[in-house]
Amino acid sequence: LRKGDRFSVIYETLEGDGEPLRAGRVLSAEFVNAGKPFQ
């Protein structure tokens, strides 16, 4: 890991009455490590 590395993530939340109660599965993600993107 390097300072300045960046990540983006799209994930599921499982909600009750509109309140997030449990995190679900990561649906997609991107991690940029030392300038190289991984998706």
PDB file of all heavy atoms in Angstrom:
ATOM      1  N   LEU A   1       0.837  -1.207   0.000  1.00  0.00           N
ATOM      2  CA  LEU A   1       0.000   0.000   0.000  1.00  0.00           C
ATOM      3  C   LEU A   1       0.869   1.253   0.000  1.00  0.00           C
ATOM      4  O   LEU A   1       1.913   1.314   0.646  1.00  0.00           O
ATOM      5  CB  LEU A   1      -0.931   0.007   1.215  1.00  0.00           C
ATOM      6  CG  LEU A   1      -2.064  -1.014   1.225  1.00  0.00           C
ATOM      7  CD1 LEU A   1      -3.010  -0.744   2.381  1.00  0.00           C
ATOM      8  CD2 LEU A   1      -2.831  -1.011  -0.096  1.00  0.00           C
ATOM      9  N   ARG A   2       0.402   2.262  -0.741  1.00  0.00           N
ATOM     10  CA  ARG A   2       1.115   3.536  -0.832  1.00  0.00           C
ATOM     11  C   ARG A   2       0.157   4.665  -0.452  1.00  0.00           C
ATOM     12  O   ARG A   2      -1.047   4.596  -0.711  1.00  0.00           O
ATOM     13  CB  ARG A   2       1.618   3.775  -2.266  1.00  0.00           C
ATOM     14  CG  ARG A   2       2.578   2.714  -2.773  1.00  0.00           C
ATOM     15  CD  ARG A   2       3.934   2.804  -2.079  1.00  0.00           C
ATOM     16  NE  ARG A   2       4.872   1.850  -2.634  1.00  0.00           N
ATOM     17  CZ  ARG A   2       5.051   0.616  -2.163  1.00  0.00           C
ATOM     18  NH1 ARG A   2       4.311   0.200  -1.121  1.00  0.00           N
ATOM     19  NH2 ARG A   2       5.925  -0.190  -2.702  1.00  0.00           N
ATOM     20  N   LYS A   3       0.688   5.724   0.135  1.00  0.00           N
ATOM     21  CA  LYS A   3      -0.124   6.896   0.423  1.00  0.00           C
ATOM     22  C   LYS A   3      -0.613   7.476  -0.893  1.00  0.00           C
ATOM     23  O   LYS A   3       0.160   7.669  -1.832  1.00  0.00           O
ATOM     24  CB  LYS A   3       0.700   7.934   1.181  1.00  0.00           C
ATOM     25  CG  LYS A   3      -0.131   9.129   1.631  1.00  0.00           C
ATOM     26  CD  LYS A   3       0.692  10.075   2.496  1.00  0.00           C
ATOM     27  CE  LYS A   3      -0.181  11.240   2.963  1.00  0.00           C
ATOM     28  NZ  LYS A   3       0.572  12.170   3.841  1.00  0.00           N
ATOM     29  N   GLY A   4      -1.899   7.733  -0.968  1.00  0.00           N
ATOM     30  CA  GLY A   4      -2.495   8.220  -2.200  1.00  0.00           C
ATOM     31  C   GLY A   4      -3.194   7.138  -2.999  1.00  0.00           C
ATOM     32  O   GLY A   4      -3.898   7.454  -3.975  1.00  0.00           O
ATOM     33  N   ASP A   5      -3.007   5.861  -2.624  1.00  0.00           N
ATOM     34  CA  ASP A   5      -3.785   4.802  -3.261  1.00  0.00           C
ATOM     35  C   ASP A   5      -5.272   5.082  -3.058  1.00  0.00           C
ATOM     36  O   ASP A   5      -5.671   5.630  -2.025  1.00  0.00           O
ATOM     37  CB  ASP A   5      -3.439   3.433  -2.659  1.00  0.00           C
ATOM     38  CG  ASP A   5      -2.093   2.913  -3.145  1.00  0.00           C
ATOM     39  OD1 ASP A   5      -1.466   3.573  -3.994  1.00  0.00           O
ATOM     40  OD2 ASP A   5      -1.665   1.846  -2.661  1.00  0.00           O
ATOM     41  N   ARG A   6      -6.082   4.685  -4.022  1.00  0.00           N
ATOM     42  CA  ARG A   6      -7.494   5.036  -3.984  1.00  0.00           C
ATOM     43  C   ARG A   6      -8.357   3.812  -4.237  1.00  0.00           C
ATOM     44  O   ARG A   6      -7.955   2.902  -4.969  1.00  0.00           O
ATOM     45  CB  ARG A   6      -7.789   6.098  -5.057  1.00  0.00           C
ATOM     46  CG  ARG A   6      -9.232   6.581  -5.096  1.00  0.00           C
ATOM     47  CD  ARG A   6      -9.469   7.521  -6.275  1.00  0.00           C
ATOM     48  NE  ARG A   6     -10.864   7.903  -6.342  1.00  0.00           N
ATOM     49  CZ  ARG A   6     -11.365   9.001  -5.798  1.00  0.00           C
ATOM     50  NH1 ARG A   6     -10.577   9.855  -5.184  1.00  0.00           N
ATOM     51  NH2 ARG A   6     -12.659   9.275  -5.891  1.00  0.00           N
ATOM     52  N   PHE A   7      -9.534   3.801  -3.627  1.00  0.00           N
ATOM     53  CA  PHE A   7     -10.470   2.708  -3.880  1.00  0.00           C
ATOM     54  C   PHE A   7     -11.880   3.265  -4.075  1.00  0.00           C
ATOM     55  O   PHE A   7     -12.229   4.321  -3.551  1.00  0.00           O
ATOM     56  CB  PHE A   7     -10.470   1.690  -2.726  1.00  0.00           C
ATOM     57  CG  PHE A   7     -10.935   2.245  -1.402  1.00  0.00           C
ATOM     58  CD1 PHE A   7     -12.290   2.300  -1.088  1.00  0.00           C
ATOM     59  CD2 PHE A   7     -10.024   2.730  -0.481  1.00  0.00           C
ATOM     60  CE1 PHE A   7     -12.724   2.823   0.122  1.00  0.00           C
ATOM     61  CE2 PHE A   7     -10.442   3.254   0.726  1.00  0.00           C
ATOM     62  CZ  PHE A   7     -11.790   3.301   1.030  1.00  0.00           C
ATOM     63  N   SER A   8     -12.657   2.535  -4.853  1.00  0.00           N
ATOM     64  CA  SER A   8     -14.087   2.801  -5.023  1.00  0.00           C
ATOM     65  C   SER A   8     -14.796   1.465  -4.883  1.00  0.00           C
ATOM     66  O   SER A   8     -14.293   0.440  -5.356  1.00  0.00           O
ATOM     67  CB  SER A   8     -14.388   3.408  -6.400  1.00  0.00           C
ATOM     68  OG  SER A   8     -13.672   4.613  -6.597  1.00  0.00           O
ATOM     69  N   VAL A   9     -15.942   1.469  -4.253  1.00  0.00           N
ATOM     70  CA  VAL A   9     -16.638   0.209  -4.001  1.00  0.00           C
ATOM     71  C   VAL A   9     -18.142   0.408  -4.099  1.00  0.00           C
ATOM     72  O   VAL A   9     -18.668   1.448  -3.703  1.00  0.00           O
ATOM     73  CB  VAL A   9     -16.245  -0.380  -2.623  1.00  0.00           C
ATOM     74  CG1 VAL A   9     -16.579   0.580  -1.497  1.00  0.00           C
ATOM     75  CG2 VAL A   9     -16.923  -1.727  -2.392  1.00  0.00           C
ATOM     76  N   ILE A  10     -18.815  -0.565  -4.667  1.00  0.00           N
ATOM     77  CA  ILE A  10     -20.275  -0.615  -4.733  1.00  0.00           C
ATOM     78  C   ILE A  10     -20.699  -1.881  -4.010  1.00  0.00           C
ATOM     79  O   ILE A  10     -20.246  -2.977  -4.357  1.00  0.00           O
ATOM     80  CB  ILE A  10     -20.765  -0.624  -6.189  1.00  0.00           C
ATOM     81  CG1 ILE A  10     -20.282   0.652  -6.905  1.00  0.00           C
ATOM     82  CG2 ILE A  10     -22.281  -0.728  -6.260  1.00  0.00           C
ATOM     83  CD1 ILE A  10     -20.407   0.598  -8.403  1.00  0.00           C
ATOM     84  N   TYR A  11     -21.540  -1.735  -3.006  1.00  0.00           N
ATOM     85  CA  TYR A  11     -21.878  -2.891  -2.178  1.00  0.00           C
ATOM     86  C   TYR A  11     -23.349  -2.856  -1.784  1.00  0.00           C
ATOM     87  O   TYR A  11     -24.013  -1.825  -1.880  1.00  0.00           O
ATOM     88  CB  TYR A  11     -21.003  -2.933  -0.921  1.00  0.00           C
ATOM     89  CG  TYR A  11     -21.199  -1.779   0.027  1.00  0.00           C
ATOM     90  CD1 TYR A  11     -21.978  -1.910   1.173  1.00  0.00           C
ATOM     91  CD2 TYR A  11     -20.589  -0.546  -0.202  1.00  0.00           C
ATOM     92  CE1 TYR A  11     -22.157  -0.855   2.043  1.00  0.00           C
ATOM     93  CE2 TYR A  11     -20.758   0.522   0.662  1.00  0.00           C
ATOM     94  CZ  TYR A  11     -21.543   0.359   1.785  1.00  0.00           C
ATOM     95  OH  TYR A  11     -21.727   1.417   2.658  1.00  0.00           O
ATOM     96  N   GLU A  12     -23.839  -4.008  -1.346  1.00  0.00           N
ATOM     97  CA  GLU A  12     -25.217  -4.143  -0.904  1.00  0.00           C
ATOM     98  C   GLU A  12     -25.340  -3.763   0.564  1.00  0.00           C
ATOM     99  O   GLU A  12     -24.448  -4.044   1.367  1.00  0.00           O
ATOM    100  CB  GLU A  12     -25.689  -5.591  -1.049  1.00  0.00           C
ATOM    101  CG  GLU A  12     -26.038  -6.013  -2.452  1.00  0.00           C
ATOM    102  CD  GLU A  12     -26.552  -7.435  -2.488  1.00  0.00           C
ATOM    103  OE1 GLU A  12     -26.171  -8.232  -1.613  1.00  0.00           O
ATOM    104  OE2 GLU A  12     -27.346  -7.755  -3.390  1.00  0.00           O
ATOM    105  N   THR A  13     -26.448  -3.139   0.907  1.00  0.00           N
ATOM    106  CA  THR A  13     -26.828  -3.002   2.306  1.00  0.00           C
ATOM    107  C   THR A  13     -28.203  -3.633   2.471  1.00  0.00           C
ATOM    108  O   THR A  13     -29.065  -3.505   1.593  1.00  0.00           O
ATOM    109  CB  THR A  13     -26.896  -1.526   2.757  1.00  0.00           C
ATOM    110  OG1 THR A  13     -27.837  -0.828   1.936  1.00  0.00           O
ATOM    111  CG2 THR A  13     -25.549  -0.863   2.677  1.00  0.00           C
ATOM    112  N   LEU A  14     -28.396  -4.317   3.568  1.00  0.00           N
ATOM    113  CA  LEU A  14     -29.676  -4.930   3.872  1.00  0.00           C
ATOM    114  C   LEU A  14     -30.332  -4.074   4.939  1.00  0.00           C
ATOM    115  O   LEU A  14     -29.771  -3.884   6.028  1.00  0.00           O
ATOM    116  CB  LEU A  14     -29.470  -6.371   4.345  1.00  0.00           C
ATOM    117  CG  LEU A  14     -28.730  -7.249   3.328  1.00  0.00           C
ATOM    118  CD1 LEU A  14     -28.500  -8.651   3.885  1.00  0.00           C
ATOM    119  CD2 LEU A  14     -29.494  -7.328   2.022  1.00  0.00           C
ATOM    120  N   GLU A  15     -31.497  -3.532   4.623  1.00  0.00           N
ATOM    121  CA  GLU A  15     -32.124  -2.507   5.455  1.00  0.00           C
ATOM    122  C   GLU A  15     -33.454  -2.975   6.023  1.00  0.00           C
ATOM    123  O   GLU A  15     -34.183  -3.747   5.395  1.00  0.00           O
ATOM    124  CB  GLU A  15     -32.336  -1.230   4.630  1.00  0.00           C
ATOM    125  CG  GLU A  15     -31.043  -0.663   4.062  1.00  0.00           C
ATOM    126  CD  GLU A  15     -31.271   0.566   3.210  1.00  0.00           C
ATOM    127  OE1 GLU A  15     -32.445   0.879   2.934  1.00  0.00           O
ATOM    128  OE2 GLU A  15     -30.278   1.219   2.820  1.00  0.00           O
ATOM    129  N   GLY A  16     -33.755  -2.461   7.214  1.00  0.00           N
ATOM    130  CA  GLY A  16     -35.040  -2.665   7.845  1.00  0.00           C
ATOM    131  C   GLY A  16     -35.648  -1.326   8.189  1.00  0.00           C
ATOM    132  O   GLY A  16     -35.005  -0.509   8.866  1.00  0.00           O
ATOM    133  N   ASP A  17     -36.844  -1.032   7.693  1.00  0.00           N
ATOM    134  CA  ASP A  17     -37.492   0.267   7.891  1.00  0.00           C
ATOM    135  C   ASP A  17     -36.613   1.407   7.394  1.00  0.00           C
ATOM    136  O   ASP A  17     -36.580   2.495   7.978  1.00  0.00           O
ATOM    137  CB  ASP A  17     -37.835   0.484   9.371  1.00  0.00           C
ATOM    138  CG  ASP A  17     -38.861  -0.513   9.882  1.00  0.00           C
ATOM    139  OD1 ASP A  17     -39.630  -1.041   9.058  1.00  0.00           O
ATOM    140  OD2 ASP A  17     -38.888  -0.761  11.108  1.00  0.00           O
ATOM    141  N   GLY A  18     -35.851   1.152   6.338  1.00  0.00           N
ATOM    142  CA  GLY A  18     -34.989   2.187   5.768  1.00  0.00           C
ATOM    143  C   GLY A  18     -33.675   2.377   6.482  1.00  0.00           C
ATOM    144  O   GLY A  18     -32.854   3.202   6.057  1.00  0.00           O
ATOM    145  N   GLU A  19     -33.416   1.612   7.541  1.00  0.00           N
ATOM    146  CA  GLU A  19     -32.173   1.725   8.304  1.00  0.00           C
ATOM    147  C   GLU A  19     -31.248   0.566   7.924  1.00  0.00           C
ATOM    148  O   GLU A  19     -31.667  -0.589   7.934  1.00  0.00           O
ATOM    149  CB  GLU A  19     -32.449   1.682   9.809  1.00  0.00           C
ATOM    150  CG  GLU A  19     -33.279   2.835  10.330  1.00  0.00           C
ATOM    151  CD  GLU A  19     -32.495   4.128  10.367  1.00  0.00           C
ATOM    152  OE1 GLU A  19     -31.254   4.078  10.308  1.00  0.00           O
ATOM    153  OE2 GLU A  19     -33.130   5.194  10.455  1.00  0.00           O
ATOM    154  N   PRO A  20     -29.960   0.847   7.568  1.00  0.00           N
ATOM    155  CA  PRO A  20     -29.035  -0.243   7.241  1.00  0.00           C
ATOM    156  C   PRO A  20     -28.730  -1.070   8.486  1.00  0.00           C
ATOM    157  O   PRO A  20     -28.284  -0.550   9.505  1.00  0.00           O
ATOM    158  CB  PRO A  20     -27.784   0.493   6.741  1.00  0.00           C
ATOM    159  CG  PRO A  20     -27.884   1.870   7.301  1.00  0.00           C
ATOM    160  CD  PRO A  20     -29.347   2.181   7.427  1.00  0.00           C
ATOM    161  N   LEU A  21     -28.998  -2.369   8.403  1.00  0.00           N
ATOM    162  CA  LEU A  21     -28.790  -3.258   9.541  1.00  0.00           C
ATOM    163  C   LEU A  21     -27.672  -4.268   9.309  1.00  0.00           C
ATOM    164  O   LEU A  21     -27.075  -4.767  10.262  1.00  0.00           O
ATOM    165  CB  LEU A  21     -30.090  -4.019   9.861  1.00  0.00           C
ATOM    166  CG  LEU A  21     -31.308  -3.172  10.205  1.00  0.00           C
ATOM    167  CD1 LEU A  21     -32.508  -4.073  10.500  1.00  0.00           C
ATOM    168  CD2 LEU A  21     -31.024  -2.270  11.394  1.00  0.00           C
ATOM    169  N   ARG A  22     -27.397  -4.558   8.062  1.00  0.00           N
ATOM    170  CA  ARG A  22     -26.382  -5.564   7.763  1.00  0.00           C
ATOM    171  C   ARG A  22     -25.770  -5.238   6.401  1.00  0.00           C
ATOM    172  O   ARG A  22     -26.480  -4.872   5.465  1.00  0.00           O
ATOM    173  CB  ARG A  22     -27.008  -6.956   7.750  1.00  0.00           C
ATOM    174  CG  ARG A  22     -26.043  -8.086   7.462  1.00  0.00           C
ATOM    175  CD  ARG A  22     -26.798  -9.398   7.290  1.00  0.00           C
ATOM    176  NE  ARG A  22     -27.362  -9.863   8.532  1.00  0.00           N
ATOM    177  CZ  ARG A  22     -26.732 -10.634   9.411  1.00  0.00           C
ATOM    178  NH1 ARG A  22     -25.504 -11.023   9.144  1.00  0.00           N
ATOM    179  NH2 ARG A  22     -27.322 -11.028  10.519  1.00  0.00           N
ATOM    180  N   ALA A  23     -24.449  -5.359   6.318  1.00  0.00           N
ATOM    181  CA  ALA A  23     -23.785  -5.158   5.029  1.00  0.00           C
ATOM    182  C   ALA A  23     -23.834  -6.457   4.241  1.00  0.00           C
ATOM    183  O   ALA A  23     -23.660  -7.543   4.791  1.00  0.00           O
ATOM    184  CB  ALA A  23     -22.333  -4.734   5.243  1.00  0.00           C
ATOM    185  N   GLY A  24     -24.097  -6.326   2.947  1.00  0.00           N
ATOM    186  CA  GLY A  24     -24.151  -7.493   2.091  1.00  0.00           C
ATOM    187  C   GLY A  24     -22.859  -7.673   1.313  1.00  0.00           C
ATOM    188  O   GLY A  24     -21.774  -7.288   1.756  1.00  0.00           O
ATOM    189  N   ARG A  25     -23.001  -8.206   0.131  1.00  0.00           N
ATOM    190  CA  ARG A  25     -21.841  -8.532  -0.694  1.00  0.00           C
ATOM    191  C   ARG A  25     -21.321  -7.298  -1.433  1.00  0.00           C
ATOM    192  O   ARG A  25     -22.083  -6.421  -1.824  1.00  0.00           O
ATOM    193  CB  ARG A  25     -22.243  -9.601  -1.711  1.00  0.00           C
ATOM    194  CG  ARG A  25     -21.155  -9.971  -2.709  1.00  0.00           C
ATOM    195  CD  ARG A  25     -21.634 -10.986  -3.732  1.00  0.00           C
ATOM    196  NE  ARG A  25     -21.812 -12.289  -3.112  1.00  0.00           N
ATOM    197  CZ  ARG A  25     -22.951 -12.956  -3.084  1.00  0.00           C
ATOM    198  NH1 ARG A  25     -24.043 -12.424  -3.628  1.00  0.00           N
ATOM    199  NH2 ARG A  25     -23.031 -14.148  -2.523  1.00  0.00           N
ATOM    200  N   VAL A  26     -20.012  -7.248  -1.616  1.00  0.00           N
ATOM    201  CA  VAL A  26     -19.415  -6.257  -2.509  1.00  0.00           C
ATOM    202  C   VAL A  26     -19.776  -6.660  -3.932  1.00  0.00           C
ATOM    203  O   VAL A  26     -19.516  -7.782  -4.367  1.00  0.00           O
ATOM    204  CB  VAL A  26     -17.891  -6.196  -2.339  1.00  0.00           C
ATOM    205  CG1 VAL A  26     -17.249  -5.366  -3.448  1.00  0.00           C
ATOM    206  CG2 VAL A  26     -17.530  -5.605  -0.981  1.00  0.00           C
ATOM    207  N   LEU A  27     -20.403  -5.745  -4.670  1.00  0.00           N
ATOM    208  CA  LEU A  27     -20.844  -6.035  -6.036  1.00  0.00           C
ATOM    209  C   LEU A  27     -19.756  -5.731  -7.055  1.00  0.00           C
ATOM    210  O   LEU A  27     -19.618  -6.447  -8.047  1.00  0.00           O
ATOM    211  CB  LEU A  27     -22.111  -5.233  -6.352  1.00  0.00           C
ATOM    212  CG  LEU A  27     -23.299  -5.494  -5.411  1.00  0.00           C
ATOM    213  CD1 LEU A  27     -24.465  -4.584  -5.772  1.00  0.00           C
ATOM    214  CD2 LEU A  27     -23.721  -6.959  -5.460  1.00  0.00           C
ATOM    215  N   SER A  28     -19.014  -4.676  -6.819  1.00  0.00           N
ATOM    216  CA  SER A  28     -17.888  -4.341  -7.690  1.00  0.00           C
ATOM    217  C   SER A  28     -16.960  -3.403  -6.932  1.00  0.00           C
ATOM    218  O   SER A  28     -17.378  -2.732  -5.983  1.00  0.00           O
ATOM    219  CB  SER A  28     -18.365  -3.697  -9.001  1.00  0.00           C
ATOM    220  OG  SER A  28     -19.092  -2.507  -8.732  1.00  0.00           O
ATOM    221  N   ALA A  29     -15.720  -3.363  -7.356  1.00  0.00           N
ATOM    222  CA  ALA A  29     -14.743  -2.521  -6.662  1.00  0.00           C
ATOM    223  C   ALA A  29     -13.581  -2.210  -7.590  1.00  0.00           C
ATOM    224  O   ALA A  29     -13.310  -2.944  -8.551  1.00  0.00           O
ATOM    225  CB  ALA A  29     -14.234  -3.214  -5.401  1.00  0.00           C
ATOM    226  N   GLU A  30     -12.924  -1.099  -7.286  1.00  0.00           N
ATOM    227  CA  GLU A  30     -11.694  -0.717  -7.983  1.00  0.00           C
ATOM    228  C   GLU A  30     -10.684  -0.273  -6.941  1.00  0.00           C
ATOM    229  O   GLU A  30     -11.018   0.462  -6.002  1.00  0.00           O
ATOM    230  CB  GLU A  30     -11.953   0.409  -8.980  1.00  0.00           C
ATOM    231  CG  GLU A  30     -10.688   0.843  -9.718  1.00  0.00           C
ATOM    232  CD  GLU A  30     -10.943   1.962 -10.705  1.00  0.00           C
ATOM    233  OE1 GLU A  30     -11.517   2.989 -10.285  1.00  0.00           O
ATOM    234  OE2 GLU A  30     -10.572   1.821 -11.886  1.00  0.00           O
ATOM    235  N   PHE A  31      -9.445  -0.722  -7.097  1.00  0.00           N
ATOM    236  CA  PHE A  31      -8.370  -0.306  -6.195  1.00  0.00           C
ATOM    237  C   PHE A  31      -7.191   0.131  -7.059  1.00  0.00           C
ATOM    238  O   PHE A  31      -6.717  -0.635  -7.911  1.00  0.00           O
ATOM    239  CB  PHE A  31      -7.954  -1.450  -5.276  1.00  0.00           C
ATOM    240  CG  PHE A  31      -7.307  -0.986  -4.004  1.00  0.00           C
ATOM    241  CD1 PHE A  31      -7.997  -1.011  -2.807  1.00  0.00           C
ATOM    242  CD2 PHE A  31      -6.010  -0.489  -4.001  1.00  0.00           C
ATOM    243  CE1 PHE A  31      -7.414  -0.568  -1.628  1.00  0.00           C
ATOM    244  CE2 PHE A  31      -5.419  -0.038  -2.838  1.00  0.00           C
ATOM    245  CZ  PHE A  31      -6.124  -0.078  -1.646  1.00  0.00           C
ATOM    246  N   VAL A  32      -6.762   1.372  -6.876  1.00  0.00           N
ATOM    247  CA  VAL A  32      -5.618   1.904  -7.609  1.00  0.00           C
ATOM    248  C   VAL A  32      -4.421   1.864  -6.680  1.00  0.00           C
ATOM    249  O   VAL A  32      -4.353   2.611  -5.704  1.00  0.00           O
ATOM    250  CB  VAL A  32      -5.878   3.337  -8.104  1.00  0.00           C
ATOM    251  CG1 VAL A  32      -4.670   3.854  -8.878  1.00  0.00           C
ATOM    252  CG2 VAL A  32      -7.133   3.381  -8.975  1.00  0.00           C
ATOM    253  N   ASN A  33      -3.478   0.961  -6.969  1.00  0.00           N
ATOM    254  CA  ASN A  33      -2.297   0.756  -6.129  1.00  0.00           C
ATOM    255  C   ASN A  33      -1.049   1.182  -6.905  1.00  0.00           C
ATOM    256  O   ASN A  33      -0.757   0.628  -7.964  1.00  0.00           O
ATOM    257  CB  ASN A  33      -2.203  -0.715  -5.725  1.00  0.00           C
ATOM    258  CG  ASN A  33      -0.933  -1.051  -4.965  1.00  0.00           C
ATOM    259  OD1 ASN A  33      -0.214  -1.959  -5.325  1.00  0.00           O
ATOM    260  ND2 ASN A  33      -0.653  -0.307  -3.909  1.00  0.00           N
ATOM    261  N   ALA A  34      -0.343   2.186  -6.366  1.00  0.00           N
ATOM    262  CA  ALA A  34       0.866   2.708  -7.014  1.00  0.00           C
ATOM    263  C   ALA A  34       0.592   3.107  -8.460  1.00  0.00           C
ATOM    264  O   ALA A  34       1.417   2.895  -9.354  1.00  0.00           O
ATOM    265  CB  ALA A  34       1.991   1.679  -6.941  1.00  0.00           C
ATOM    266  N   GLY A  35      -0.611   3.674  -8.684  1.00  0.00           N
ATOM    267  CA  GLY A  35      -0.974   4.149 -10.008  1.00  0.00           C
ATOM    268  C   GLY A  35      -1.556   3.096 -10.924  1.00  0.00           C
ATOM    269  O   GLY A  35      -2.025   3.424 -12.026  1.00  0.00           O
ATOM    270  N   LYS A  36      -1.571   1.829 -10.511  1.00  0.00           N
ATOM    271  CA  LYS A  36      -2.099   0.756 -11.350  1.00  0.00           C
ATOM    272  C   LYS A  36      -3.490   0.367 -10.876  1.00  0.00           C
ATOM    273  O   LYS A  36      -3.673   0.006  -9.719  1.00  0.00           O
ATOM    274  CB  LYS A  36      -1.177  -0.463 -11.298  1.00  0.00           C
ATOM    275  CG  LYS A  36      -1.628  -1.599 -12.205  1.00  0.00           C
ATOM    276  CD  LYS A  36      -0.656  -2.763 -12.171  1.00  0.00           C
ATOM    277  CE  LYS A  36      -1.116  -3.887 -13.104  1.00  0.00           C
ATOM    278  NZ  LYS A  36      -0.179  -5.041 -13.086  1.00  0.00           N
ATOM    279  N   PRO A  37      -4.492   0.433 -11.764  1.00  0.00           N
ATOM    280  CA  PRO A  37      -5.858   0.110 -11.349  1.00  0.00           C
ATOM    281  C   PRO A  37      -6.132  -1.389 -11.401  1.00  0.00           C
ATOM    282  O   PRO A  37      -5.703  -2.087 -12.320  1.00  0.00           O
ATOM    283  CB  PRO A  37      -6.721   0.860 -12.359  1.00  0.00           C
ATOM    284  CG  PRO A  37      -5.882   0.904 -13.591  1.00  0.00           C
ATOM    285  CD  PRO A  37      -4.447   0.965 -13.142  1.00  0.00           C
ATOM    286  N   PHE A  38      -6.863  -1.867 -10.395  1.00  0.00           N
ATOM    287  CA  PHE A  38      -7.362  -3.240 -10.367  1.00  0.00           C
ATOM    288  C   PHE A  38      -8.871  -3.163 -10.169  1.00  0.00           C
ATOM    289  O   PHE A  38      -9.343  -2.454  -9.278  1.00  0.00           O
ATOM    290  CB  PHE A  38      -6.730  -4.031  -9.219  1.00  0.00           C
ATOM    291  CG  PHE A  38      -5.227  -4.173  -9.314  1.00  0.00           C
ATOM    292  CD1 PHE A  38      -4.399  -3.211  -8.738  1.00  0.00           C
ATOM    293  CD2 PHE A  38      -4.658  -5.234  -9.989  1.00  0.00           C
ATOM    294  CE1 PHE A  38      -3.017  -3.325  -8.825  1.00  0.00           C
ATOM    295  CE2 PHE A  38      -3.275  -5.360 -10.087  1.00  0.00           C
ATOM    296  CZ  PHE A  38      -2.451  -4.410  -9.505  1.00  0.00           C
ATOM    297  N   GLN A  39      -9.602  -3.881 -11.006  1.00  0.00           N
ATOM    298  CA  GLN A  39     -11.061  -3.841 -10.944  1.00  0.00           C
ATOM    299  C   GLN A  39     -11.622  -5.235 -10.773  1.00  0.00           C
ATOM    300  O   GLN A  39     -11.021  -6.227 -11.215  1.00  0.00           O
ATOM    301  CB  GLN A  39     -11.631  -3.198 -12.209  1.00  0.00           C
ATOM    302  CG  GLN A  39     -11.252  -1.728 -12.379  1.00  0.00           C
ATOM    303  CD  GLN A  39     -11.754  -1.146 -13.675  1.00  0.00           C
ATOM    304  OE1 GLN A  39     -11.776  -1.815 -14.710  1.00  0.00           O
ATOM    305  NE2 GLN A  39     -12.174   0.109 -13.641  1.00  0.00           N
TER     306      GLN A  39
END
